[in-house]
Amino acid sequence: MTYRIISTFDGSLTNCSLSELSSQLKINSILCELNADDTIIDSWPLVHSTLVTFAVQFADYALKNYTQKKIPEAETCIALTRQWLKNAHSVSNEELQVAANAAYDAAHAVVGVGLGGDGRAGAAAHAANAAYDAAHAAAHAAHAANAAYDAAHAAAHAAHAAAYAAYDAGKSREAELIRQGEFIVEYLRAAAALSCDKSAA
């Protein structure tokens, strides 16, 4: 299956595969699912909070599935980012930055201590870095001039960090990227269906 991202800023088009999806998403754009003849099967809008939702899911999945070490700083970072998703006014950008920096420091501490030679330290560090990136994606305020670029950049970094966590844990990096793409499409389909149900009610 091929996907197309259409920018609502300049109308530019970016085609990508399912495994490339998580690193290509942009704020204020439309994600389209394409047929073999390039006709559009379905389409969904992408906004700031959507990208943050994806980033925090990738980080949380990496922490739960690719590392055997608990990293409280990363877990706190993820919880705070999810709180922001529920109510953006309940968490300040400063709080998100502090939590993100704590997760980042924890990631480097894990690598410094080391957890053996089987990649577990790298997996834990990448998972914590994914949490750091998720919080940064949220922290880029919608009114900032460069928010769209920065939030999308941070979300893409979270996706890559989660994929490298999978690799360091002895799993397939490609499989994690495909899992991310599947999550994105399934989430957007479910959200669209829910919106239709509410409109019909």
N, C-alpha and C. Protein backbone atom coordinates (compact mmCIF):
# COMPACT_ATOMS: atom_id res chain seq x y z
N MET A 1 0.85 -1.19 0.00
CA MET A 1 0.00 0.00 0.00
C MET A 1 0.89 1.25 0.00
N THR A 2 0.48 2.25 -0.78
CA THR A 2 1.22 3.50 -0.85
C THR A 2 0.39 4.60 -0.19
N TYR A 3 1.10 5.54 0.42
CA TYR A 3 0.44 6.66 1.09
C TYR A 3 0.99 7.97 0.54
N ARG A 4 0.17 9.00 0.60
CA ARG A 4 0.58 10.33 0.12
C ARG A 4 0.26 11.36 1.19
N ILE A 5 1.21 12.23 1.44
CA ILE A 5 1.02 13.33 2.39
C ILE A 5 0.92 14.62 1.59
N ILE A 6 -0.18 15.30 1.75
CA ILE A 6 -0.43 16.56 1.04
C ILE A 6 -0.35 17.70 2.02
N SER A 7 0.56 18.63 1.80
CA SER A 7 0.71 19.79 2.67
C SER A 7 -0.42 20.78 2.40
N THR A 8 -1.06 21.24 3.49
CA THR A 8 -2.09 22.28 3.32
C THR A 8 -1.47 23.67 3.29
N PHE A 9 -0.15 23.75 3.49
CA PHE A 9 0.56 25.03 3.38
C PHE A 9 0.83 25.38 1.92
N ASP A 10 1.46 24.43 1.21
CA ASP A 10 1.90 24.74 -0.16
C ASP A 10 1.44 23.72 -1.19
N GLY A 11 0.66 22.73 -0.77
CA GLY A 11 0.15 21.75 -1.71
C GLY A 11 1.17 20.71 -2.16
N SER A 12 2.33 20.69 -1.55
CA SER A 12 3.36 19.73 -1.94
C SER A 12 2.93 18.30 -1.60
N LEU A 13 3.42 17.34 -2.39
CA LEU A 13 3.03 15.94 -2.24
C LEU A 13 4.26 15.10 -1.88
N THR A 14 4.07 14.18 -0.93
CA THR A 14 5.13 13.24 -0.56
C THR A 14 4.54 11.84 -0.52
N ASN A 15 5.03 10.96 -1.36
CA ASN A 15 4.59 9.57 -1.35
C ASN A 15 5.52 8.73 -0.48
N CYS A 16 4.95 7.77 0.23
CA CYS A 16 5.78 6.92 1.09
C CYS A 16 5.10 5.58 1.31
N SER A 17 5.88 4.62 1.78
CA SER A 17 5.38 3.29 2.10
C SER A 17 4.91 3.26 3.56
N LEU A 18 4.33 2.14 3.96
CA LEU A 18 3.87 2.00 5.34
C LEU A 18 5.02 2.13 6.33
N SER A 19 6.18 1.57 5.99
CA SER A 19 7.32 1.62 6.91
C SER A 19 7.97 3.00 6.98
N GLU A 20 7.69 3.85 6.01
CA GLU A 20 8.24 5.21 6.00
C GLU A 20 7.31 6.23 6.62
N LEU A 21 6.09 5.81 6.88
CA LEU A 21 5.03 6.73 7.27
C LEU A 21 5.36 7.53 8.54
N SER A 22 5.84 6.86 9.58
CA SER A 22 6.03 7.52 10.87
C SER A 22 7.09 8.62 10.83
N SER A 23 7.98 8.57 9.87
CA SER A 23 9.03 9.61 9.78
C SER A 23 8.70 10.70 8.77
N GLN A 24 7.57 10.56 8.08
CA GLN A 24 7.23 11.52 7.02
C GLN A 24 6.07 12.45 7.37
N LEU A 25 5.36 12.16 8.46
CA LEU A 25 4.17 12.95 8.79
C LEU A 25 4.50 14.39 9.13
N LYS A 26 3.61 15.29 8.74
CA LYS A 26 3.80 16.71 9.00
C LYS A 26 2.51 17.30 9.54
N ILE A 27 2.66 18.32 10.37
CA ILE A 27 1.49 19.03 10.89
C ILE A 27 0.82 19.81 9.77
N ASN A 28 -0.49 19.99 9.90
CA ASN A 28 -1.27 20.73 8.91
C ASN A 28 -1.10 20.13 7.52
N SER A 29 -1.33 18.83 7.45
CA SER A 29 -1.29 18.14 6.17
C SER A 29 -2.38 17.08 6.16
N ILE A 30 -2.53 16.42 5.02
CA ILE A 30 -3.55 15.39 4.87
C ILE A 30 -2.85 14.11 4.45
N LEU A 31 -3.12 13.03 5.16
CA LEU A 31 -2.57 11.72 4.82
C LEU A 31 -3.60 10.97 3.98
N CYS A 32 -3.17 10.52 2.81
CA CYS A 32 -4.07 9.79 1.91
C CYS A 32 -3.57 8.36 1.70
N GLU A 33 -4.50 7.43 1.67
CA GLU A 33 -4.20 6.05 1.32
C GLU A 33 -4.54 5.87 -0.16
N LEU A 34 -3.59 5.32 -0.93
CA LEU A 34 -3.76 5.28 -2.38
C LEU A 34 -4.00 3.87 -2.91
N ASN A 35 -4.77 3.79 -3.99
CA ASN A 35 -4.90 2.57 -4.76
C ASN A 35 -3.67 2.40 -5.64
N ALA A 36 -3.58 1.27 -6.33
CA ALA A 36 -2.46 1.01 -7.22
C ALA A 36 -2.40 2.02 -8.35
N ASP A 37 -3.56 2.59 -8.74
CA ASP A 37 -3.59 3.58 -9.82
C ASP A 37 -3.49 5.02 -9.30
N ASP A 38 -3.09 5.16 -8.02
CA ASP A 38 -2.88 6.47 -7.39
C ASP A 38 -4.18 7.21 -7.06
N THR A 39 -5.32 6.58 -7.22
CA THR A 39 -6.56 7.21 -6.76
C THR A 39 -6.64 7.08 -5.25
N ILE A 40 -7.31 8.02 -4.62
CA ILE A 40 -7.37 8.07 -3.15
C ILE A 40 -8.48 7.16 -2.62
N ILE A 41 -8.08 6.26 -1.72
CA ILE A 41 -9.04 5.37 -1.05
C ILE A 41 -9.66 6.09 0.14
N ASP A 42 -8.81 6.73 0.94
CA ASP A 42 -9.27 7.42 2.15
C ASP A 42 -8.26 8.51 2.48
N SER A 43 -8.68 9.44 3.30
CA SER A 43 -7.76 10.52 3.70
C SER A 43 -8.11 11.02 5.09
N TRP A 44 -7.10 11.52 5.79
CA TRP A 44 -7.27 11.99 7.16
C TRP A 44 -6.41 13.23 7.41
N PRO A 45 -6.94 14.22 8.12
CA PRO A 45 -6.14 15.41 8.46
C PRO A 45 -5.16 15.11 9.59
N LEU A 46 -4.02 15.78 9.56
CA LEU A 46 -3.00 15.63 10.61
C LEU A 46 -2.78 16.97 11.28
N VAL A 47 -2.91 16.97 12.60
CA VAL A 47 -2.69 18.19 13.39
C VAL A 47 -1.65 17.92 14.47
N HIS A 48 -1.29 18.96 15.19
CA HIS A 48 -0.24 18.88 16.21
C HIS A 48 -0.47 17.73 17.19
N SER A 49 -1.65 17.69 17.78
CA SER A 49 -1.92 16.68 18.82
C SER A 49 -1.87 15.26 18.26
N THR A 50 -2.21 15.10 16.98
CA THR A 50 -2.15 13.77 16.37
C THR A 50 -0.73 13.25 16.33
N LEU A 51 0.20 14.11 15.92
CA LEU A 51 1.60 13.70 15.86
C LEU A 51 2.15 13.40 17.25
N VAL A 52 1.73 14.17 18.24
CA VAL A 52 2.17 13.91 19.62
C VAL A 52 1.62 12.57 20.10
N THR A 53 0.37 12.27 19.75
CA THR A 53 -0.23 10.97 20.11
C THR A 53 0.61 9.83 19.56
N PHE A 54 1.03 9.94 18.31
CA PHE A 54 1.84 8.90 17.70
C PHE A 54 3.20 8.79 18.40
N ALA A 55 3.83 9.93 18.63
CA ALA A 55 5.17 9.92 19.26
C ALA A 55 5.14 9.28 20.63
N VAL A 56 4.14 9.60 21.44
CA VAL A 56 4.08 9.06 22.80
C VAL A 56 3.75 7.57 22.77
N GLN A 57 2.96 7.13 21.78
CA GLN A 57 2.67 5.70 21.66
C GLN A 57 3.93 4.92 21.30
N PHE A 58 4.73 5.46 20.38
CA PHE A 58 5.96 4.79 19.98
C PHE A 58 6.92 4.68 21.16
N ALA A 59 7.01 5.75 21.94
CA ALA A 59 7.90 5.74 23.10
C ALA A 59 7.43 4.74 24.15
N ASP A 60 6.14 4.75 24.43
CA ASP A 60 5.59 3.85 25.44
C ASP A 60 5.74 2.39 25.01
N TYR A 61 5.49 2.11 23.75
CA TYR A 61 5.63 0.75 23.23
C TYR A 61 7.08 0.27 23.36
N ALA A 62 8.01 1.16 23.03
CA ALA A 62 9.44 0.81 23.12
C ALA A 62 9.84 0.50 24.56
N LEU A 63 9.37 1.31 25.49
CA LEU A 63 9.70 1.09 26.90
C LEU A 63 9.14 -0.24 27.41
N LYS A 64 7.94 -0.58 26.97
CA LYS A 64 7.27 -1.79 27.47
C LYS A 64 7.73 -3.07 26.77
N ASN A 65 8.23 -2.93 25.53
CA ASN A 65 8.50 -4.12 24.75
C ASN A 65 9.96 -4.35 24.37
N TYR A 66 10.78 -3.32 24.47
CA TYR A 66 12.16 -3.47 24.00
C TYR A 66 13.22 -3.27 25.08
N THR A 67 12.81 -2.99 26.29
CA THR A 67 13.78 -2.85 27.36
C THR A 67 13.28 -3.55 28.62
N GLN A 68 14.19 -4.18 29.34
CA GLN A 68 13.83 -4.86 30.58
C GLN A 68 14.07 -3.97 31.79
N LYS A 69 14.56 -2.78 31.56
CA LYS A 69 14.86 -1.86 32.66
C LYS A 69 13.78 -0.80 32.76
N LYS A 70 13.27 -0.60 33.95
CA LYS A 70 12.33 0.49 34.17
C LYS A 70 13.09 1.81 34.22
N ILE A 71 12.55 2.81 33.55
CA ILE A 71 13.17 4.14 33.53
C ILE A 71 12.09 5.13 34.00
N PRO A 72 12.03 5.39 35.31
CA PRO A 72 10.97 6.24 35.85
C PRO A 72 10.88 7.61 35.18
N GLU A 73 12.03 8.18 34.84
CA GLU A 73 12.03 9.52 34.21
C GLU A 73 11.31 9.48 32.87
N ALA A 74 11.52 8.42 32.11
CA ALA A 74 10.86 8.29 30.81
C ALA A 74 9.36 8.05 31.00
N GLU A 75 9.01 7.24 32.00
CA GLU A 75 7.60 6.96 32.28
C GLU A 75 6.87 8.23 32.72
N THR A 76 7.55 9.04 33.53
CA THR A 76 6.97 10.32 33.96
C THR A 76 6.78 11.25 32.78
N CYS A 77 7.76 11.26 31.90
CA CYS A 77 7.71 12.08 30.70
C CYS A 77 6.52 11.69 29.83
N ILE A 78 6.32 10.41 29.65
CA ILE A 78 5.20 9.93 28.85
C ILE A 78 3.87 10.28 29.51
N ALA A 79 3.77 10.09 30.82
CA ALA A 79 2.52 10.41 31.54
C ALA A 79 2.18 11.89 31.42
N LEU A 80 3.19 12.75 31.52
CA LEU A 80 2.96 14.18 31.43
C LEU A 80 2.53 14.57 30.02
N THR A 81 3.13 13.93 29.03
CA THR A 81 2.76 14.22 27.64
C THR A 81 1.32 13.77 27.37
N ARG A 82 0.93 12.64 27.95
CA ARG A 82 -0.45 12.18 27.80
C ARG A 82 -1.42 13.12 28.51
N GLN A 83 -0.99 13.69 29.63
CA GLN A 83 -1.81 14.69 30.32
C GLN A 83 -2.01 15.90 29.42
N TRP A 84 -0.94 16.31 28.73
CA TRP A 84 -1.03 17.44 27.79
C TRP A 84 -2.02 17.13 26.67
N LEU A 85 -2.03 15.89 26.20
CA LEU A 85 -2.95 15.51 25.13
C LEU A 85 -4.41 15.62 25.58
N LYS A 86 -4.67 15.31 26.85
CA LYS A 86 -6.03 15.41 27.38
C LYS A 86 -6.44 16.86 27.58
N ASN A 87 -5.48 17.67 28.04
CA ASN A 87 -5.77 19.09 28.29
C ASN A 87 -4.46 19.87 28.18
N ALA A 88 -4.26 20.52 27.05
CA ALA A 88 -3.00 21.23 26.79
C ALA A 88 -2.74 22.34 27.79
N HIS A 89 -3.80 22.83 28.43
CA HIS A 89 -3.63 23.93 29.40
C HIS A 89 -3.24 23.42 30.78
N SER A 90 -3.28 22.11 30.98
CA SER A 90 -2.96 21.55 32.30
C SER A 90 -1.46 21.34 32.50
N VAL A 91 -0.70 21.45 31.43
CA VAL A 91 0.75 21.24 31.49
C VAL A 91 1.43 22.37 30.73
N SER A 92 2.41 22.98 31.35
CA SER A 92 3.14 24.07 30.69
C SER A 92 4.25 23.52 29.82
N ASN A 93 4.70 24.33 28.86
CA ASN A 93 5.84 23.95 28.03
C ASN A 93 7.07 23.72 28.89
N GLU A 94 7.20 24.52 29.94
CA GLU A 94 8.37 24.38 30.83
C GLU A 94 8.36 23.02 31.53
N GLU A 95 7.18 22.58 31.98
CA GLU A 95 7.07 21.28 32.63
C GLU A 95 7.43 20.15 31.67
N LEU A 96 6.96 20.28 30.43
CA LEU A 96 7.28 19.27 29.43
C LEU A 96 8.78 19.23 29.15
N GLN A 97 9.40 20.41 29.08
CA GLN A 97 10.84 20.47 28.80
C GLN A 97 11.64 19.86 29.95
N VAL A 98 11.23 20.14 31.17
CA VAL A 98 11.93 19.58 32.34
C VAL A 98 11.82 18.05 32.33
N ALA A 99 10.62 17.54 32.07
CA ALA A 99 10.42 16.09 32.03
C ALA A 99 11.21 15.46 30.88
N ALA A 100 11.22 16.15 29.74
CA ALA A 100 11.97 15.64 28.58
C ALA A 100 13.46 15.59 28.88
N ASN A 101 13.97 16.63 29.50
CA ASN A 101 15.41 16.66 29.82
C ASN A 101 15.78 15.59 30.84
N ALA A 102 14.88 15.31 31.78
CA ALA A 102 15.14 14.25 32.76
C ALA A 102 15.19 12.89 32.07
N ALA A 103 14.30 12.66 31.10
CA ALA A 103 14.31 11.41 30.35
C ALA A 103 15.59 11.29 29.53
N TYR A 104 16.00 12.40 28.96
CA TYR A 104 17.24 12.42 28.15
C TYR A 104 18.45 12.08 29.02
N ASP A 105 18.51 12.70 30.20
CA ASP A 105 19.62 12.43 31.12
C ASP A 105 19.61 10.97 31.57
N ALA A 106 18.41 10.44 31.81
CA ALA A 106 18.29 9.04 32.23
C ALA A 106 18.78 8.11 31.12
N ALA A 107 18.49 8.46 29.87
CA ALA A 107 18.93 7.65 28.74
C ALA A 107 20.45 7.57 28.71
N HIS A 108 21.11 8.69 28.91
CA HIS A 108 22.57 8.72 28.88
C HIS A 108 23.16 8.02 30.11
N ALA A 109 22.46 8.08 31.23
CA ALA A 109 22.93 7.39 32.43
C ALA A 109 22.88 5.88 32.23
N VAL A 110 21.84 5.40 31.55
CA VAL A 110 21.71 3.98 31.27
C VAL A 110 22.88 3.49 30.43
N VAL A 111 23.22 4.26 29.41
CA VAL A 111 24.34 3.89 28.55
C VAL A 111 25.65 3.92 29.32
N GLY A 112 25.77 4.91 30.23
CA GLY A 112 27.00 5.05 31.01
C GLY A 112 27.22 3.86 31.94
N VAL A 113 26.14 3.38 32.56
CA VAL A 113 26.25 2.26 33.48
C VAL A 113 26.41 0.95 32.72
N GLY A 114 25.62 0.82 31.65
CA GLY A 114 25.68 -0.40 30.84
C GLY A 114 24.87 -1.51 31.47
N LEU A 115 24.26 -2.32 30.61
CA LEU A 115 23.42 -3.42 31.09
C LEU A 115 23.85 -4.74 30.48
N GLY A 116 25.11 -4.86 30.16
CA GLY A 116 25.56 -6.09 29.52
C GLY A 116 25.84 -5.86 28.06
N GLY A 117 26.30 -6.87 27.39
CA GLY A 117 26.71 -6.72 26.01
C GLY A 117 25.67 -7.13 25.00
N ASP A 118 24.41 -7.26 25.42
CA ASP A 118 23.40 -7.77 24.49
C ASP A 118 22.52 -6.67 23.92
N GLY A 119 22.90 -5.42 24.05
CA GLY A 119 22.14 -4.33 23.47
C GLY A 119 21.06 -3.77 24.36
N ARG A 120 20.88 -4.34 25.56
CA ARG A 120 19.79 -3.86 26.43
C ARG A 120 19.99 -2.42 26.86
N ALA A 121 21.24 -2.00 27.06
CA ALA A 121 21.49 -0.61 27.44
C ALA A 121 21.08 0.32 26.32
N GLY A 122 21.44 -0.06 25.09
CA GLY A 122 21.07 0.77 23.95
C GLY A 122 19.57 0.81 23.76
N ALA A 123 18.89 -0.31 23.94
CA ALA A 123 17.44 -0.36 23.80
C ALA A 123 16.77 0.55 24.81
N ALA A 124 17.22 0.48 26.07
CA ALA A 124 16.65 1.33 27.12
C ALA A 124 16.90 2.80 26.83
N ALA A 125 18.11 3.11 26.38
CA ALA A 125 18.45 4.50 26.08
C ALA A 125 17.61 5.04 24.93
N HIS A 126 17.45 4.24 23.88
CA HIS A 126 16.63 4.69 22.75
C HIS A 126 15.17 4.86 23.16
N ALA A 127 14.66 3.97 24.01
CA ALA A 127 13.28 4.09 24.47
C ALA A 127 13.09 5.38 25.28
N ALA A 128 14.05 5.68 26.15
CA ALA A 128 13.98 6.92 26.94
C ALA A 128 14.09 8.14 26.03
N ASN A 129 14.92 8.05 25.02
CA ASN A 129 15.05 9.16 24.07
C ASN A 129 13.76 9.37 23.29
N ALA A 130 13.04 8.29 23.01
CA ALA A 130 11.75 8.41 22.33
C ALA A 130 10.77 9.19 23.20
N ALA A 131 10.79 8.94 24.51
CA ALA A 131 9.94 9.69 25.44
C ALA A 131 10.33 11.17 25.44
N TYR A 132 11.62 11.43 25.43
CA TYR A 132 12.14 12.80 25.35
C TYR A 132 11.59 13.50 24.10
N ASP A 133 11.65 12.82 22.96
CA ASP A 133 11.18 13.41 21.71
C ASP A 133 9.67 13.63 21.73
N ALA A 134 8.92 12.71 22.34
CA ALA A 134 7.47 12.86 22.41
C ALA A 134 7.10 14.12 23.20
N ALA A 135 7.76 14.34 24.32
CA ALA A 135 7.49 15.53 25.12
C ALA A 135 7.87 16.79 24.36
N HIS A 136 8.96 16.75 23.62
CA HIS A 136 9.35 17.91 22.83
C HIS A 136 8.35 18.19 21.72
N ALA A 137 7.78 17.13 21.15
CA ALA A 137 6.76 17.33 20.12
C ALA A 137 5.57 18.08 20.71
N ALA A 138 5.21 17.75 21.94
CA ALA A 138 4.10 18.45 22.61
C ALA A 138 4.47 19.87 22.99
N ALA A 139 5.71 20.07 23.40
CA ALA A 139 6.13 21.36 23.94
C ALA A 139 6.19 22.47 22.91
N HIS A 140 6.27 22.12 21.64
CA HIS A 140 6.31 23.15 20.61
C HIS A 140 4.92 23.75 20.47
N ALA A 141 4.73 24.90 21.06
CA ALA A 141 3.42 25.54 21.13
C ALA A 141 2.88 25.85 19.73
N ALA A 142 1.57 25.71 19.59
CA ALA A 142 0.94 25.87 18.28
C ALA A 142 1.11 27.27 17.69
N HIS A 143 1.33 28.27 18.56
CA HIS A 143 1.42 29.64 18.04
C HIS A 143 2.84 30.01 17.63
N ALA A 144 3.81 29.15 17.92
CA ALA A 144 5.19 29.47 17.57
C ALA A 144 5.38 29.38 16.06
N ALA A 145 6.22 30.25 15.52
CA ALA A 145 6.42 30.32 14.08
C ALA A 145 6.95 29.02 13.50
N ASN A 146 7.80 28.35 14.24
CA ASN A 146 8.41 27.12 13.73
C ASN A 146 7.84 25.86 14.37
N ALA A 147 6.65 25.98 14.97
CA ALA A 147 6.07 24.85 15.70
C ALA A 147 5.81 23.66 14.80
N ALA A 148 5.27 23.90 13.61
CA ALA A 148 4.92 22.80 12.71
C ALA A 148 6.15 21.97 12.37
N TYR A 149 7.23 22.64 12.01
CA TYR A 149 8.45 21.92 11.66
C TYR A 149 9.02 21.20 12.88
N ASP A 150 9.12 21.90 14.00
CA ASP A 150 9.76 21.34 15.19
C ASP A 150 8.99 20.15 15.75
N ALA A 151 7.67 20.25 15.81
CA ALA A 151 6.87 19.15 16.35
C ALA A 151 6.96 17.92 15.45
N ALA A 152 6.88 18.13 14.14
CA ALA A 152 6.99 17.01 13.21
C ALA A 152 8.37 16.37 13.29
N HIS A 153 9.40 17.20 13.43
CA HIS A 153 10.77 16.72 13.54
C HIS A 153 10.93 15.87 14.81
N ALA A 154 10.38 16.34 15.92
CA ALA A 154 10.49 15.61 17.19
C ALA A 154 9.72 14.30 17.12
N ALA A 155 8.54 14.31 16.48
CA ALA A 155 7.75 13.08 16.36
C ALA A 155 8.49 12.05 15.51
N ALA A 156 9.13 12.50 14.44
CA ALA A 156 9.90 11.59 13.59
C ALA A 156 11.07 10.99 14.37
N HIS A 157 11.71 11.81 15.20
CA HIS A 157 12.82 11.33 16.03
C HIS A 157 12.33 10.26 17.02
N ALA A 158 11.13 10.45 17.57
CA ALA A 158 10.58 9.45 18.49
C ALA A 158 10.37 8.12 17.76
N ALA A 159 9.89 8.19 16.53
CA ALA A 159 9.68 6.98 15.74
C ALA A 159 11.00 6.26 15.48
N HIS A 160 12.01 7.02 15.09
CA HIS A 160 13.32 6.42 14.82
C HIS A 160 13.95 5.84 16.09
N ALA A 161 13.80 6.56 17.21
CA ALA A 161 14.37 6.09 18.47
C ALA A 161 13.73 4.76 18.88
N ALA A 162 12.41 4.67 18.70
CA ALA A 162 11.71 3.42 19.03
C ALA A 162 12.18 2.28 18.13
N ALA A 163 12.41 2.59 16.86
CA ALA A 163 12.88 1.57 15.92
C ALA A 163 14.28 1.09 16.30
N TYR A 164 15.14 2.01 16.71
CA TYR A 164 16.48 1.61 17.12
C TYR A 164 16.45 0.86 18.46
N ALA A 165 15.48 1.17 19.31
CA ALA A 165 15.31 0.40 20.55
C ALA A 165 14.99 -1.05 20.20
N ALA A 166 14.14 -1.23 19.20
CA ALA A 166 13.81 -2.59 18.74
C ALA A 166 15.06 -3.30 18.25
N TYR A 167 15.85 -2.61 17.46
CA TYR A 167 17.08 -3.20 16.90
C TYR A 167 18.05 -3.60 18.00
N ASP A 168 18.24 -2.71 18.98
CA ASP A 168 19.16 -3.00 20.07
C ASP A 168 18.67 -4.15 20.95
N ALA A 169 17.35 -4.36 20.94
CA ALA A 169 16.78 -5.45 21.72
C ALA A 169 16.79 -6.77 20.94
N GLY A 170 17.38 -6.76 19.76
CA GLY A 170 17.46 -7.96 18.95
C GLY A 170 16.23 -8.21 18.10
N LYS A 171 15.38 -7.18 17.97
CA LYS A 171 14.18 -7.29 17.15
C LYS A 171 14.43 -6.61 15.80
N SER A 172 13.46 -6.72 14.92
CA SER A 172 13.59 -6.13 13.59
C SER A 172 13.21 -4.64 13.62
N ARG A 173 14.14 -3.80 13.18
CA ARG A 173 13.86 -2.37 13.08
C ARG A 173 12.77 -2.11 12.04
N GLU A 174 12.84 -2.83 10.91
CA GLU A 174 11.84 -2.67 9.86
C GLU A 174 10.45 -3.07 10.35
N ALA A 175 10.38 -4.14 11.13
CA ALA A 175 9.09 -4.59 11.66
C ALA A 175 8.49 -3.54 12.59
N GLU A 176 9.34 -2.87 13.39
CA GLU A 176 8.84 -1.82 14.27
C GLU A 176 8.32 -0.63 13.46
N LEU A 177 9.01 -0.28 12.38
CA LEU A 177 8.55 0.83 11.53
C LEU A 177 7.22 0.49 10.86
N ILE A 178 7.07 -0.75 10.45
CA ILE A 178 5.79 -1.18 9.87
C ILE A 178 4.69 -1.16 10.93
N ARG A 179 5.03 -1.61 12.15
CA ARG A 179 4.06 -1.57 13.25
C ARG A 179 3.60 -0.13 13.49
N GLN A 180 4.55 0.81 13.47
CA GLN A 180 4.21 2.21 13.65
C GLN A 180 3.26 2.69 12.55
N GLY A 181 3.56 2.33 11.31
CA GLY A 181 2.70 2.73 10.20
C GLY A 181 1.30 2.16 10.34
N GLU A 182 1.22 0.89 10.74
CA GLU A 182 -0.08 0.26 10.94
C GLU A 182 -0.85 0.95 12.06
N PHE A 183 -0.15 1.32 13.15
CA PHE A 183 -0.81 2.01 14.24
C PHE A 183 -1.37 3.36 13.76
N ILE A 184 -0.58 4.09 12.99
CA ILE A 184 -1.01 5.40 12.48
C ILE A 184 -2.30 5.26 11.67
N VAL A 185 -2.31 4.36 10.72
CA VAL A 185 -3.48 4.20 9.85
C VAL A 185 -4.69 3.72 10.63
N GLU A 186 -4.51 2.74 11.51
CA GLU A 186 -5.63 2.23 12.31
C GLU A 186 -6.17 3.30 13.24
N TYR A 187 -5.28 4.11 13.85
CA TYR A 187 -5.71 5.17 14.74
C TYR A 187 -6.55 6.21 13.98
N LEU A 188 -6.07 6.61 12.80
CA LEU A 188 -6.77 7.63 12.03
C LEU A 188 -8.11 7.12 11.51
N ARG A 189 -8.16 5.86 11.12
CA ARG A 189 -9.44 5.27 10.69
C ARG A 189 -10.44 5.24 11.84
N ALA A 190 -9.97 4.82 13.02
CA ALA A 190 -10.86 4.75 14.18
C ALA A 190 -11.36 6.14 14.58
N ALA A 191 -10.45 7.12 14.54
CA ALA A 191 -10.84 8.49 14.91
C ALA A 191 -11.86 9.05 13.92
N ALA A 192 -11.68 8.76 12.63
CA ALA A 192 -12.63 9.22 11.62
C ALA A 192 -13.99 8.55 11.80
N ALA A 193 -13.98 7.25 12.11
CA ALA A 193 -15.24 6.52 12.32
C ALA A 193 -15.99 7.07 13.52
N LEU A 194 -15.23 7.38 14.59
CA LEU A 194 -15.84 7.92 15.81
C LEU A 194 -16.45 9.29 15.53
N SER A 195 -15.75 10.10 14.73
CA SER A 195 -16.25 11.42 14.37
C SER A 195 -17.54 11.31 13.57
N CYS A 196 -17.62 10.35 12.65
CA CYS A 196 -18.82 10.13 11.86
C CYS A 196 -19.99 9.69 12.73
N ASP A 197 -19.69 8.81 13.69
CA ASP A 197 -20.74 8.32 14.60
C ASP A 197 -21.31 9.46 15.42
N LYS A 198 -20.43 10.36 15.88
CA LYS A 198 -20.89 11.49 16.68
C LYS A 198 -21.72 12.46 15.85
N SER A 199 -21.33 12.62 14.59
CA SER A 199 -22.07 13.53 13.69
C SER A 199 -23.45 12.98 13.39
N ALA A 200 -23.54 11.64 13.29
CA ALA A 200 -24.82 11.02 12.95
C ALA A 200 -25.76 10.97 14.15
N ALA A 201 -25.21 11.03 15.36
CA ALA A 201 -26.02 10.92 16.58
C ALA A 201 -26.92 12.16 16.77
